[in-house]
């Protein structure tokens, strides 16, 4: 089963702020969500029905898993101390 990836418009801007090695590693992890939407180490966010997060070092990727239409929506990427602000 392969899922479709979608990104909020702000995600591209957040990715540009990261260093090149971190950016490449995070993009790789996001691409892996197509085949495994809940990889080892992913966590469901408390208080939500369909929001999850994956980590890369100090960075978190917040995503929404839409099972009924087979879409993974990447919502936010950022440092762990800032990524949950303004959500």
C-alpha atoms as a PDB file:
ATOM      1  CA  UNK A   1       0.000   0.000   0.000  1.00  0.00           C
ATOM      2  CA  UNK A   2       1.411   3.351  -1.033  1.00  0.00           C
ATOM      3  CA  UNK A   3       0.071   6.594   0.355  1.00  0.00           C
ATOM      4  CA  UNK A   4       0.097  10.007  -1.272  1.00  0.00           C
ATOM      5  CA  UNK A   5       2.104  12.789   0.393  1.00  0.00           C
ATOM      6  CA  UNK A   6       0.784  16.342   0.630  1.00  0.00           C
ATOM      7  CA  UNK A   7       2.445  19.347   2.234  1.00  0.00           C
ATOM      8  CA  UNK A   8       1.091  22.516   3.758  1.00  0.00           C
ATOM      9  CA  UNK A   9       2.583  25.522   1.977  1.00  0.00           C
ATOM     10  CA  UNK A  10       4.579  26.540   5.068  1.00  0.00           C
ATOM     11  CA  UNK A  11       6.514  23.244   5.135  1.00  0.00           C
ATOM     12  CA  UNK A  12       8.776  24.213   2.219  1.00  0.00           C
ATOM     13  CA  UNK A  13       9.781  27.390   4.041  1.00  0.00           C
ATOM     14  CA  UNK A  14      10.473  25.424   7.238  1.00  0.00           C
ATOM     15  CA  UNK A  15      12.625  22.938   5.317  1.00  0.00           C
ATOM     16  CA  UNK A  16      14.726  25.742   3.782  1.00  0.00           C
ATOM     17  CA  UNK A  17      15.676  26.932   7.273  1.00  0.00           C
ATOM     18  CA  UNK A  18      17.348  23.597   8.114  1.00  0.00           C
ATOM     19  CA  UNK A  19      20.942  22.627   7.425  1.00  0.00           C
ATOM     20  CA  UNK A  20      21.474  20.523   4.315  1.00  0.00           C
ATOM     21  CA  UNK A  21      22.200  17.208   6.134  1.00  0.00           C
ATOM     22  CA  UNK A  22      19.150  17.610   8.387  1.00  0.00           C
ATOM     23  CA  UNK A  23      16.966  18.627   5.442  1.00  0.00           C
ATOM     24  CA  UNK A  24      17.963  15.558   3.405  1.00  0.00           C
ATOM     25  CA  UNK A  25      17.441  13.184   6.334  1.00  0.00           C
ATOM     26  CA  UNK A  26      14.002  14.633   7.106  1.00  0.00           C
ATOM     27  CA  UNK A  27      12.922  14.466   3.464  1.00  0.00           C
ATOM     28  CA  UNK A  28      14.031  10.834   3.403  1.00  0.00           C
ATOM     29  CA  UNK A  29      11.962  10.075   6.518  1.00  0.00           C
ATOM     30  CA  UNK A  30       8.950  11.837   5.017  1.00  0.00           C
ATOM     31  CA  UNK A  31       9.278   9.786   1.815  1.00  0.00           C
ATOM     32  CA  UNK A  32       9.289   6.600   3.892  1.00  0.00           C
ATOM     33  CA  UNK A  33       5.862   7.575   5.268  1.00  0.00           C
ATOM     34  CA  UNK A  34       4.418   6.629   1.866  1.00  0.00           C
ATOM     35  CA  UNK A  35       4.941   2.946   2.573  1.00  0.00           C
ATOM     36  CA  UNK A  36       4.937   2.952   6.387  1.00  0.00           C
ATOM     37  CA  UNK A  37       2.699   5.714   7.816  1.00  0.00           C
ATOM     38  CA  UNK A  38       3.447   4.696  11.410  1.00  0.00           C
ATOM     39  CA  UNK A  39       7.160   3.850  11.474  1.00  0.00           C
ATOM     40  CA  UNK A  40       8.945   2.680  14.587  1.00  0.00           C
ATOM     41  CA  UNK A  41       9.453   5.713  16.818  1.00  0.00           C
ATOM     42  CA  UNK A  42       6.404   7.602  15.589  1.00  0.00           C
ATOM     43  CA  UNK A  43       4.004   8.861  18.228  1.00  0.00           C
ATOM     44  CA  UNK A  44       0.374   9.883  18.197  1.00  0.00           C
ATOM     45  CA  UNK A  45      -0.137  13.392  19.541  1.00  0.00           C
ATOM     46  CA  UNK A  46      -2.267  13.576  22.651  1.00  0.00           C
ATOM     47  CA  UNK A  47      -5.639  15.223  22.240  1.00  0.00           C
ATOM     48  CA  UNK A  48      -5.870  14.527  18.519  1.00  0.00           C
ATOM     49  CA  UNK A  49      -7.451  11.803  16.469  1.00  0.00           C
ATOM     50  CA  UNK A  50      -5.139  11.664  13.473  1.00  0.00           C
ATOM     51  CA  UNK A  51      -1.974  13.711  14.220  1.00  0.00           C
ATOM     52  CA  UNK A  52       1.381  11.962  14.578  1.00  0.00           C
ATOM     53  CA  UNK A  53       5.023  12.959  14.839  1.00  0.00           C
ATOM     54  CA  UNK A  54       8.341  11.514  13.793  1.00  0.00           C
ATOM     55  CA  UNK A  55      11.745  12.694  14.952  1.00  0.00           C
ATOM     56  CA  UNK A  56      15.111  13.404  13.474  1.00  0.00           C
ATOM     57  CA  UNK A  57      17.509  14.528  16.194  1.00  0.00           C
ATOM     58  CA  UNK A  58      16.080  17.723  17.687  1.00  0.00           C
ATOM     59  CA  UNK A  59      13.579  18.163  14.858  1.00  0.00           C
ATOM     60  CA  UNK A  60      10.022  16.880  14.718  1.00  0.00           C
ATOM     61  CA  UNK A  61       7.755  16.366  11.720  1.00  0.00           C
ATOM     62  CA  UNK A  62       4.062  16.719  12.529  1.00  0.00           C
ATOM     63  CA  UNK A  63       1.763  14.945  10.099  1.00  0.00           C
ATOM     64  CA  UNK A  64      -1.855  13.986   9.700  1.00  0.00           C
ATOM     65  CA  UNK A  65      -2.836  10.519   8.553  1.00  0.00           C
ATOM     66  CA  UNK A  66      -6.014  10.578   6.475  1.00  0.00           C
ATOM     67  CA  UNK A  67      -6.893   6.905   6.181  1.00  0.00           C
ATOM     68  CA  UNK A  68     -10.116   7.279   4.249  1.00  0.00           C
ATOM     69  CA  UNK A  69      -8.320   8.851   1.259  1.00  0.00           C
ATOM     70  CA  UNK A  70      -4.808   7.373   1.742  1.00  0.00           C
ATOM     71  CA  UNK A  71      -3.038  10.705   2.255  1.00  0.00           C
ATOM     72  CA  UNK A  72      -0.257  11.740   4.610  1.00  0.00           C
ATOM     73  CA  UNK A  73      -0.435  15.528   5.102  1.00  0.00           C
ATOM     74  CA  UNK A  74       2.820  17.051   6.386  1.00  0.00           C
ATOM     75  CA  UNK A  75       1.745  19.898   8.651  1.00  0.00           C
ATOM     76  CA  UNK A  76       4.849  21.261  10.318  1.00  0.00           C
ATOM     77  CA  UNK A  77       8.611  20.744  10.629  1.00  0.00           C
ATOM     78  CA  UNK A  78      10.681  22.429  13.296  1.00  0.00           C
ATOM     79  CA  UNK A  79      12.880  22.258  16.331  1.00  0.00           C
ATOM     80  CA  UNK A  80      11.295  20.295  19.148  1.00  0.00           C
ATOM     81  CA  UNK A  81      11.022  23.300  21.454  1.00  0.00           C
ATOM     82  CA  UNK A  82       9.185  25.388  18.842  1.00  0.00           C
ATOM     83  CA  UNK A  83       7.276  22.974  16.609  1.00  0.00           C
ATOM     84  CA  UNK A  84       4.166  22.748  18.829  1.00  0.00           C
ATOM     85  CA  UNK A  85       3.733  26.517  19.235  1.00  0.00           C
ATOM     86  CA  UNK A  86       0.981  28.095  17.134  1.00  0.00           C
ATOM     87  CA  UNK A  87      -0.767  24.766  16.542  1.00  0.00           C
END
